[in-house]
Amino acid sequence: DVRVRRAVAYAIDRRKLIASVMHGSGTLHDGPV
């Protein structure tokens, strides 16, 4: 169900992930290319 997949996307705080795990060494980008 696409609603479950989209819920997973909404549930992950990617900015915090980049700041905490990656120490800022990452960028946000949606899309495959």
Full PDB file with SEQRES, HELIX, SHEET, SSBOND, CRYST1, ORIGX, SCALE, CONECT and MASTER records, all heavy atoms in Angstrom:
SEQRES   1 A   33  ASP VAL ARG VAL ARG ARG ALA VAL ALA TYR ALA ILE ASP          
SEQRES   2 A   33  ARG ARG LYS LEU ILE ALA SER VAL MET HIS GLY SER GLY          
SEQRES   3 A   33  THR LEU HIS ASP GLY PRO VAL                                  
HELIX    1 AA1 VAL A    2  ALA A   11  1                                  10    
HELIX    2 AA2 ARG A   14  SER A   20  1                                   7    
CRYST1    1.000    1.000    1.000  90.00  90.00  90.00 P 1           1          
ORIGX1      1.000000  0.000000  0.000000        0.00000                         
ORIGX2      0.000000  1.000000  0.000000        0.00000                         
ORIGX3      0.000000  0.000000  1.000000        0.00000                         
SCALE1      1.000000  0.000000  0.000000        0.00000                         
SCALE2      0.000000  1.000000  0.000000        0.00000                         
SCALE3      0.000000  0.000000  1.000000        0.00000                         
ATOM      1  N   ASP A   1       0.851  -1.191   0.000  1.00  0.00           N  
ATOM      2  CA  ASP A   1       0.000   0.000   0.000  1.00  0.00           C  
ATOM      3  C   ASP A   1       0.887   1.241   0.000  1.00  0.00           C  
ATOM      4  O   ASP A   1       1.732   1.413   0.881  1.00  0.00           O  
ATOM      5  CB  ASP A   1      -0.894  -0.026   1.248  1.00  0.00           C  
ATOM      6  CG  ASP A   1      -1.972   1.041   1.247  1.00  0.00           C  
ATOM      7  OD1 ASP A   1      -1.747   2.131   0.677  1.00  0.00           O  
ATOM      8  OD2 ASP A   1      -3.040   0.806   1.844  1.00  0.00           O  
ATOM      9  N   VAL A   2       0.680   2.128  -0.975  1.00  0.00           N  
ATOM     10  CA  VAL A   2       1.509   3.332  -1.067  1.00  0.00           C  
ATOM     11  C   VAL A   2       1.385   4.191   0.183  1.00  0.00           C  
ATOM     12  O   VAL A   2       2.315   4.930   0.543  1.00  0.00           O  
ATOM     13  CB  VAL A   2       1.153   4.139  -2.335  1.00  0.00           C  
ATOM     14  CG1 VAL A   2      -0.247   4.751  -2.232  1.00  0.00           C  
ATOM     15  CG2 VAL A   2       2.189   5.227  -2.603  1.00  0.00           C  
ATOM     16  N   ARG A   3       0.260   4.091   0.904  1.00  0.00           N  
ATOM     17  CA  ARG A   3       0.109   4.878   2.124  1.00  0.00           C  
ATOM     18  C   ARG A   3       1.111   4.443   3.189  1.00  0.00           C  
ATOM     19  O   ARG A   3       1.609   5.278   3.962  1.00  0.00           O  
ATOM     20  CB  ARG A   3      -1.332   4.773   2.646  1.00  0.00           C  
ATOM     21  CG  ARG A   3      -2.360   5.447   1.743  1.00  0.00           C  
ATOM     22  CD  ARG A   3      -3.773   5.151   2.175  1.00  0.00           C  
ATOM     23  NE  ARG A   3      -4.117   3.744   2.007  1.00  0.00           N  
ATOM     24  CZ  ARG A   3      -5.332   3.236   2.211  1.00  0.00           C  
ATOM     25  NH1 ARG A   3      -6.332   4.040   2.592  1.00  0.00           N  
ATOM     26  NH2 ARG A   3      -5.573   1.942   2.023  1.00  0.00           N  
ATOM     27  N   VAL A   4       1.411   3.168   3.247  1.00  0.00           N  
ATOM     28  CA  VAL A   4       2.416   2.686   4.200  1.00  0.00           C  
ATOM     29  C   VAL A   4       3.801   3.180   3.791  1.00  0.00           C  
ATOM     30  O   VAL A   4       4.587   3.646   4.633  1.00  0.00           O  
ATOM     31  CB  VAL A   4       2.383   1.150   4.291  1.00  0.00           C  
ATOM     32  CG1 VAL A   4       3.530   0.634   5.166  1.00  0.00           C  
ATOM     33  CG2 VAL A   4       1.038   0.675   4.833  1.00  0.00           C  
ATOM     34  N   ARG A   5       4.113   3.086   2.496  1.00  0.00           N  
ATOM     35  CA  ARG A   5       5.430   3.537   2.037  1.00  0.00           C  
ATOM     36  C   ARG A   5       5.601   5.042   2.274  1.00  0.00           C  
ATOM     37  O   ARG A   5       6.658   5.495   2.743  1.00  0.00           O  
ATOM     38  CB  ARG A   5       5.609   3.211   0.549  1.00  0.00           C  
ATOM     39  CG  ARG A   5       5.519   1.720   0.235  1.00  0.00           C  
ATOM     40  CD  ARG A   5       6.027   1.387  -1.152  1.00  0.00           C  
ATOM     41  NE  ARG A   5       5.292   2.027  -2.216  1.00  0.00           N  
ATOM     42  CZ  ARG A   5       4.192   1.533  -2.786  1.00  0.00           C  
ATOM     43  NH1 ARG A   5       3.678   0.380  -2.356  1.00  0.00           N  
ATOM     44  NH2 ARG A   5       3.591   2.170  -3.784  1.00  0.00           N  
ATOM     45  N   ARG A   6       4.557   5.811   1.988  1.00  0.00           N  
ATOM     46  CA  ARG A   6       4.659   7.252   2.201  1.00  0.00           C  
ATOM     47  C   ARG A   6       4.731   7.583   3.694  1.00  0.00           C  
ATOM     48  O   ARG A   6       5.414   8.526   4.101  1.00  0.00           O  
ATOM     49  CB  ARG A   6       3.495   7.973   1.537  1.00  0.00           C  
ATOM     50  CG  ARG A   6       3.741   9.476   1.393  1.00  0.00           C  
ATOM     51  CD  ARG A   6       2.679  10.150   0.559  1.00  0.00           C  
ATOM     52  NE  ARG A   6       2.645   9.713  -0.825  1.00  0.00           N  
ATOM     53  CZ  ARG A   6       3.518  10.122  -1.737  1.00  0.00           C  
ATOM     54  NH1 ARG A   6       4.481  10.979  -1.425  1.00  0.00           N  
ATOM     55  NH2 ARG A   6       3.425   9.683  -2.981  1.00  0.00           N  
ATOM     56  N   ALA A   7       4.053   6.803   4.510  1.00  0.00           N  
ATOM     57  CA  ALA A   7       4.132   7.011   5.960  1.00  0.00           C  
ATOM     58  C   ALA A   7       5.557   6.816   6.465  1.00  0.00           C  
ATOM     59  O   ALA A   7       6.036   7.568   7.325  1.00  0.00           O  
ATOM     60  CB  ALA A   7       3.179   6.058   6.681  1.00  0.00           C  
ATOM     61  N   VAL A   8       6.243   5.811   5.926  1.00  0.00           N  
ATOM     62  CA  VAL A   8       7.646   5.595   6.294  1.00  0.00           C  
ATOM     63  C   VAL A   8       8.471   6.829   5.933  1.00  0.00           C  
ATOM     64  O   VAL A   8       9.308   7.297   6.719  1.00  0.00           O  
ATOM     65  CB  VAL A   8       8.202   4.339   5.613  1.00  0.00           C  
ATOM     66  CG1 VAL A   8       9.718   4.248   5.776  1.00  0.00           C  
ATOM     67  CG2 VAL A   8       7.528   3.087   6.166  1.00  0.00           C  
ATOM     68  N   ALA A   9       8.231   7.375   4.743  1.00  0.00           N  
ATOM     69  CA  ALA A   9       8.985   8.564   4.316  1.00  0.00           C  
ATOM     70  C   ALA A   9       8.723   9.746   5.247  1.00  0.00           C  
ATOM     71  O   ALA A   9       9.651  10.469   5.628  1.00  0.00           O  
ATOM     72  CB  ALA A   9       8.614   8.919   2.883  1.00  0.00           C  
ATOM     73  N   TYR A  10       7.467   9.971   5.613  1.00  0.00           N  
ATOM     74  CA  TYR A  10       7.136  11.075   6.509  1.00  0.00           C  
ATOM     75  C   TYR A  10       7.708  10.871   7.916  1.00  0.00           C  
ATOM     76  O   TYR A  10       8.001  11.836   8.629  1.00  0.00           O  
ATOM     77  CB  TYR A  10       5.611  11.224   6.626  1.00  0.00           C  
ATOM     78  CG  TYR A  10       4.955  12.002   5.519  1.00  0.00           C  
ATOM     79  CD1 TYR A  10       3.859  11.457   4.826  1.00  0.00           C  
ATOM     80  CD2 TYR A  10       5.387  13.277   5.170  1.00  0.00           C  
ATOM     81  CE1 TYR A  10       3.231  12.165   3.804  1.00  0.00           C  
ATOM     82  CE2 TYR A  10       4.765  13.990   4.145  1.00  0.00           C  
ATOM     83  CZ  TYR A  10       3.692  13.430   3.478  1.00  0.00           C  
ATOM     84  OH  TYR A  10       3.075  14.133   2.477  1.00  0.00           O  
ATOM     85  N   ALA A  11       7.851   9.605   8.339  1.00  0.00           N  
ATOM     86  CA  ALA A  11       8.211   9.307   9.732  1.00  0.00           C  
ATOM     87  C   ALA A  11       9.683   9.507  10.041  1.00  0.00           C  
ATOM     88  O   ALA A  11      10.060   9.565  11.224  1.00  0.00           O  
ATOM     89  CB  ALA A  11       7.813   7.868  10.062  1.00  0.00           C  
ATOM     90  N   ILE A  12      10.537   9.612   9.012  1.00  0.00           N  
ATOM     91  CA  ILE A  12      11.984   9.671   9.250  1.00  0.00           C  
ATOM     92  C   ILE A  12      12.450  11.124   9.230  1.00  0.00           C  
ATOM     93  O   ILE A  12      12.296  11.825   8.216  1.00  0.00           O  
ATOM     94  CB  ILE A  12      12.739   8.840   8.196  1.00  0.00           C  
ATOM     95  CG1 ILE A  12      12.268   7.380   8.245  1.00  0.00           C  
ATOM     96  CG2 ILE A  12      14.249   8.909   8.436  1.00  0.00           C  
ATOM     97  CD1 ILE A  12      12.801   6.524   7.118  1.00  0.00           C  
ATOM     98  N   ASP A  13      13.036  11.557  10.320  1.00  0.00           N  
ATOM     99  CA  ASP A  13      13.555  12.925  10.441  1.00  0.00           C  
ATOM    100  C   ASP A  13      14.945  12.970   9.805  1.00  0.00           C  
ATOM    101  O   ASP A  13      15.973  12.860  10.479  1.00  0.00           O  
ATOM    102  CB  ASP A  13      13.616  13.331  11.914  1.00  0.00           C  
ATOM    103  CG  ASP A  13      13.937  14.806  12.110  1.00  0.00           C  
ATOM    104  OD1 ASP A  13      14.326  15.467  11.123  1.00  0.00           O  
ATOM    105  OD2 ASP A  13      13.816  15.292  13.254  1.00  0.00           O  
ATOM    106  N   ARG A  14      14.966  13.152   8.516  1.00  0.00           N  
ATOM    107  CA  ARG A  14      16.230  13.054   7.780  1.00  0.00           C  
ATOM    108  C   ARG A  14      17.186  14.194   8.114  1.00  0.00           C  
ATOM    109  O   ARG A  14      18.407  14.006   8.106  1.00  0.00           O  
ATOM    110  CB  ARG A  14      15.953  12.991   6.273  1.00  0.00           C  
ATOM    111  CG  ARG A  14      15.217  11.717   5.870  1.00  0.00           C  
ATOM    112  CD  ARG A  14      15.014  11.633   4.373  1.00  0.00           C  
ATOM    113  NE  ARG A  14      14.090  12.637   3.887  1.00  0.00           N  
ATOM    114  CZ  ARG A  14      13.953  12.957   2.601  1.00  0.00           C  
ATOM    115  NH1 ARG A  14      14.698  12.355   1.676  1.00  0.00           N  
ATOM    116  NH2 ARG A  14      13.076  13.868   2.218  1.00  0.00           N  
ATOM    117  N   ARG A  15      16.666  15.373   8.406  1.00  0.00           N  
ATOM    118  CA  ARG A  15      17.562  16.470   8.800  1.00  0.00           C  
ATOM    119  C   ARG A  15      18.293  16.144  10.093  1.00  0.00           C  
ATOM    120  O   ARG A  15      19.493  16.385  10.221  1.00  0.00           O  
ATOM    121  CB  ARG A  15      16.765  17.771   8.937  1.00  0.00           C  
ATOM    122  CG  ARG A  15      16.185  18.278   7.631  1.00  0.00           C  
ATOM    123  CD  ARG A  15      15.565  19.657   7.772  1.00  0.00           C  
ATOM    124  NE  ARG A  15      14.847  20.032   6.566  1.00  0.00           N  
ATOM    125  CZ  ARG A  15      15.426  20.545   5.475  1.00  0.00           C  
ATOM    126  NH1 ARG A  15      16.726  20.748   5.470  1.00  0.00           N  
ATOM    127  NH2 ARG A  15      14.703  20.837   4.412  1.00  0.00           N  
ATOM    128  N   LYS A  16      17.578  15.582  11.048  1.00  0.00           N  
ATOM    129  CA  LYS A  16      18.215  15.197  12.313  1.00  0.00           C  
ATOM    130  C   LYS A  16      19.187  14.043  12.090  1.00  0.00           C  
ATOM    131  O   LYS A  16      20.266  13.987  12.708  1.00  0.00           O  
ATOM    132  CB  LYS A  16      17.156  14.807  13.334  1.00  0.00           C  
ATOM    133  CG  LYS A  16      17.722  14.510  14.715  1.00  0.00           C  
ATOM    134  CD  LYS A  16      16.605  14.235  15.718  1.00  0.00           C  
ATOM    135  CE  LYS A  16      17.192  13.928  17.103  1.00  0.00           C  
ATOM    136  NZ  LYS A  16      16.106  13.645  18.093  1.00  0.00           N  
ATOM    137  N   LEU A  17      18.817  13.125  11.207  1.00  0.00           N  
ATOM    138  CA  LEU A  17      19.708  12.005  10.876  1.00  0.00           C  
ATOM    139  C   LEU A  17      21.026  12.522  10.330  1.00  0.00           C  
ATOM    140  O   LEU A  17      22.113  12.076  10.737  1.00  0.00           O  
ATOM    141  CB  LEU A  17      19.020  11.094   9.860  1.00  0.00           C  
ATOM    142  CG  LEU A  17      19.835   9.957   9.243  1.00  0.00           C  
ATOM    143  CD1 LEU A  17      20.327   9.006  10.317  1.00  0.00           C  
ATOM    144  CD2 LEU A  17      18.995   9.204   8.202  1.00  0.00           C  
ATOM    145  N   ILE A  18      20.967  13.487   9.405  1.00  0.00           N  
ATOM    146  CA  ILE A  18      22.189  14.060   8.834  1.00  0.00           C  
ATOM    147  C   ILE A  18      23.001  14.773   9.903  1.00  0.00           C  
ATOM    148  O   ILE A  18      24.228  14.643   9.959  1.00  0.00           O  
ATOM    149  CB  ILE A  18      21.837  15.010   7.678  1.00  0.00           C  
ATOM    150  CG1 ILE A  18      21.298  14.220   6.478  1.00  0.00           C  
ATOM    151  CG2 ILE A  18      23.053  15.842   7.253  1.00  0.00           C  
ATOM    152  CD1 ILE A  18      20.699  15.081   5.389  1.00  0.00           C  
ATOM    153  N   ALA A  19      22.317  15.506  10.768  1.00  0.00           N  
ATOM    154  CA  ALA A  19      23.022  16.272  11.800  1.00  0.00           C  
ATOM    155  C   ALA A  19      23.658  15.368  12.851  1.00  0.00           C  
ATOM    156  O   ALA A  19      24.787  15.609  13.294  1.00  0.00           O  
ATOM    157  CB  ALA A  19      22.061  17.254  12.473  1.00  0.00           C  
ATOM    158  N   SER A  20      22.967  14.304  13.256  1.00  0.00           N  
ATOM    159  CA  SER A  20      23.448  13.489  14.372  1.00  0.00           C  
ATOM    160  C   SER A  20      24.363  12.355  13.924  1.00  0.00           C  
ATOM    161  O   SER A  20      25.491  12.231  14.422  1.00  0.00           O  
ATOM    162  CB  SER A  20      22.261  12.917  15.150  1.00  0.00           C  
ATOM    163  OG  SER A  20      21.428  12.133  14.310  1.00  0.00           O  
ATOM    164  N   VAL A  21      23.915  11.553  12.974  1.00  0.00           N  
ATOM    165  CA  VAL A  21      24.711  10.404  12.535  1.00  0.00           C  
ATOM    166  C   VAL A  21      25.807  10.827  11.565  1.00  0.00           C  
ATOM    167  O   VAL A  21      26.952  10.377  11.662  1.00  0.00           O  
ATOM    168  CB  VAL A  21      23.807   9.337  11.882  1.00  0.00           C  
ATOM    169  CG1 VAL A  21      24.649   8.214  11.279  1.00  0.00           C  
ATOM    170  CG2 VAL A  21      22.835   8.771  12.911  1.00  0.00           C  
ATOM    171  N   MET A  22      25.474  11.735  10.636  1.00  0.00           N  
ATOM    172  CA  MET A  22      26.419  12.125   9.599  1.00  0.00           C  
ATOM    173  C   MET A  22      27.224  13.370   9.957  1.00  0.00           C  
ATOM    174  O   MET A  22      28.050  13.820   9.162  1.00  0.00           O  
ATOM    175  CB  MET A  22      25.670  12.381   8.286  1.00  0.00           C  
ATOM    176  CG  MET A  22      24.817  11.212   7.829  1.00  0.00           C  
ATOM    177  SD  MET A  22      25.753   9.686   7.702  1.00  0.00           S  
ATOM    178  CE  MET A  22      26.874  10.109   6.396  1.00  0.00           C  
ATOM    179  N   HIS A  23      26.978  13.950  11.139  1.00  0.00           N  
ATOM    180  CA  HIS A  23      27.705  15.142  11.578  1.00  0.00           C  
ATOM    181  C   HIS A  23      27.641  16.255  10.534  1.00  0.00           C  
ATOM    182  O   HIS A  23      28.613  16.990  10.333  1.00  0.00           O  
ATOM    183  CB  HIS A  23      29.159  14.790  11.891  1.00  0.00           C  
ATOM    184  CG  HIS A  23      29.313  13.626  12.826  1.00  0.00           C  
ATOM    185  ND1 HIS A  23      28.914  13.676  14.151  1.00  0.00           N  
ATOM    186  CD2 HIS A  23      29.782  12.372  12.625  1.00  0.00           C  
ATOM    187  CE1 HIS A  23      29.146  12.488  14.723  1.00  0.00           C  
ATOM    188  NE2 HIS A  23      29.675  11.685  13.811  1.00  0.00           N  
ATOM    189  N   GLY A  24      26.485  16.353   9.878  1.00  0.00           N  
ATOM    190  CA  GLY A  24      26.281  17.410   8.903  1.00  0.00           C  
ATOM    191  C   GLY A  24      26.799  17.113   7.513  1.00  0.00           C  
ATOM    192  O   GLY A  24      26.602  17.926   6.599  1.00  0.00           O  
ATOM    193  N   SER A  25      27.454  15.975   7.308  1.00  0.00           N  
ATOM    194  CA  SER A  25      28.062  15.666   6.009  1.00  0.00           C  
ATOM    195  C   SER A  25      27.083  14.913   5.111  1.00  0.00           C  
ATOM    196  O   SER A  25      27.305  13.765   4.722  1.00  0.00           O  
ATOM    197  CB  SER A  25      29.346  14.846   6.204  1.00  0.00           C  
ATOM    198  OG  SER A  25      30.321  15.596   6.859  1.00  0.00           O  
ATOM    199  N   GLY A  26      25.977  15.573   4.796  1.00  0.00           N  
ATOM    200  CA  GLY A  26      24.993  14.985   3.920  1.00  0.00           C  
ATOM    201  C   GLY A  26      24.006  16.038   3.467  1.00  0.00           C  
ATOM    202  O   GLY A  26      23.928  17.128   4.055  1.00  0.00           O  
ATOM    203  N   THR A  27      23.258  15.744   2.425  1.00  0.00           N  
ATOM    204  CA  THR A  27      22.255  16.667   1.918  1.00  0.00           C  
ATOM    205  C   THR A  27      20.959  15.908   1.664  1.00  0.00           C  
ATOM    206  O   THR A  27      20.958  14.693   1.492  1.00  0.00           O  
ATOM    207  CB  THR A  27      22.709  17.350   0.607  1.00  0.00           C  
ATOM    208  OG1 THR A  27      22.993  16.336  -0.369  1.00  0.00           O  
ATOM    209  CG2 THR A  27      23.954  18.179   0.834  1.00  0.00           C  
ATOM    210  N   LEU A  28      19.848  16.647   1.644  1.00  0.00           N  
ATOM    211  CA  LEU A  28      18.549  16.056   1.360  1.00  0.00           C  
ATOM    212  C   LEU A  28      18.269  16.133  -0.132  1.00  0.00           C  
ATOM    213  O   LEU A  28      18.521  17.152  -0.770  1.00  0.00           O  
ATOM    214  CB  LEU A  28      17.448  16.792   2.123  1.00  0.00           C  
ATOM    215  CG  LEU A  28      17.437  16.629   3.639  1.00  0.00           C  
ATOM    216  CD1 LEU A  28      16.251  17.380   4.234  1.00  0.00           C  
ATOM    217  CD2 LEU A  28      17.377  15.164   4.033  1.00  0.00           C  
ATOM    218  N   HIS A  29      17.721  15.060  -0.662  1.00  0.00           N  
ATOM    219  CA  HIS A  29      17.427  15.015  -2.096  1.00  0.00           C  
ATOM    220  C   HIS A  29      16.440  13.896  -2.342  1.00  0.00           C  
ATOM    221  O   HIS A  29      16.690  12.747  -1.960  1.00  0.00           O  
ATOM    222  CB  HIS A  29      18.719  14.768  -2.885  1.00  0.00           C  
ATOM    223  CG  HIS A  29      18.503  14.421  -4.323  1.00  0.00           C  
ATOM    224  ND1 HIS A  29      18.001  15.319  -5.232  1.00  0.00           N  
ATOM    225  CD2 HIS A  29      18.711  13.265  -5.022  1.00  0.00           C  
ATOM    226  CE1 HIS A  29      17.933  14.746  -6.428  1.00  0.00           C  
ATOM    227  NE2 HIS A  29      18.347  13.496  -6.316  1.00  0.00           N  
ATOM    228  N   ASP A  30      15.288  14.202  -2.904  1.00  0.00           N  
ATOM    229  CA  ASP A  30      14.339  13.177  -3.314  1.00  0.00           C  
ATOM    230  C   ASP A  30      14.498  12.936  -4.809  1.00  0.00           C  
ATOM    231  O   ASP A  30      14.847  13.843  -5.563  1.00  0.00           O  
ATOM    232  CB  ASP A  30      12.905  13.612  -3.026  1.00  0.00           C  
ATOM    233  CG  ASP A  30      12.568  13.536  -1.538  1.00  0.00           C  
ATOM    234  OD1 ASP A  30      13.349  12.921  -0.786  1.00  0.00           O  
ATOM    235  OD2 ASP A  30      11.523  14.086  -1.137  1.00  0.00           O  
ATOM    236  N   GLY A  31      14.217  11.736  -5.226  1.00  0.00           N  
ATOM    237  CA  GLY A  31      14.341  11.415  -6.638  1.00  0.00           C  
ATOM    238  C   GLY A  31      15.495  10.469  -6.873  1.00  0.00           C  
ATOM    239  O   GLY A  31      16.428  10.383  -6.077  1.00  0.00           O  
ATOM    240  N   PRO A  32      15.468   9.758  -8.009  1.00  0.00           N  
ATOM    241  CA  PRO A  32      16.423   8.675  -8.242  1.00  0.00           C  
ATOM    242  C   PRO A  32      17.723   9.075  -8.900  1.00  0.00           C  
ATOM    243  O   PRO A  32      18.625   8.259  -9.016  1.00  0.00           O  
ATOM    244  CB  PRO A  32      15.636   7.749  -9.174  1.00  0.00           C  
ATOM    245  CG  PRO A  32      14.791   8.693  -9.983  1.00  0.00           C  
ATOM    246  CD  PRO A  32      14.418   9.804  -9.041  1.00  0.00           C  
ATOM    247  N   VAL A  33      17.843  10.321  -9.396  1.00  0.00           N  
ATOM    248  CA  VAL A  33      19.017  10.650 -10.195  1.00  0.00           C  
ATOM    249  C   VAL A  33      19.952  11.588  -9.457  1.00  0.00           C  
ATOM    250  O   VAL A  33      19.584  12.228  -8.469  1.00  0.00           O  
ATOM    251  CB  VAL A  33      18.642  11.272 -11.562  1.00  0.00           C  
ATOM    252  CG1 VAL A  33      17.736  10.339 -12.326  1.00  0.00           C  
ATOM    253  CG2 VAL A  33      17.985  12.630 -11.395  1.00  0.00           C  
TER     254      VAL A  33                                                      
MASTER        0    0    0    2    0    0    0    6  253    1    0    3          
END                                                                             
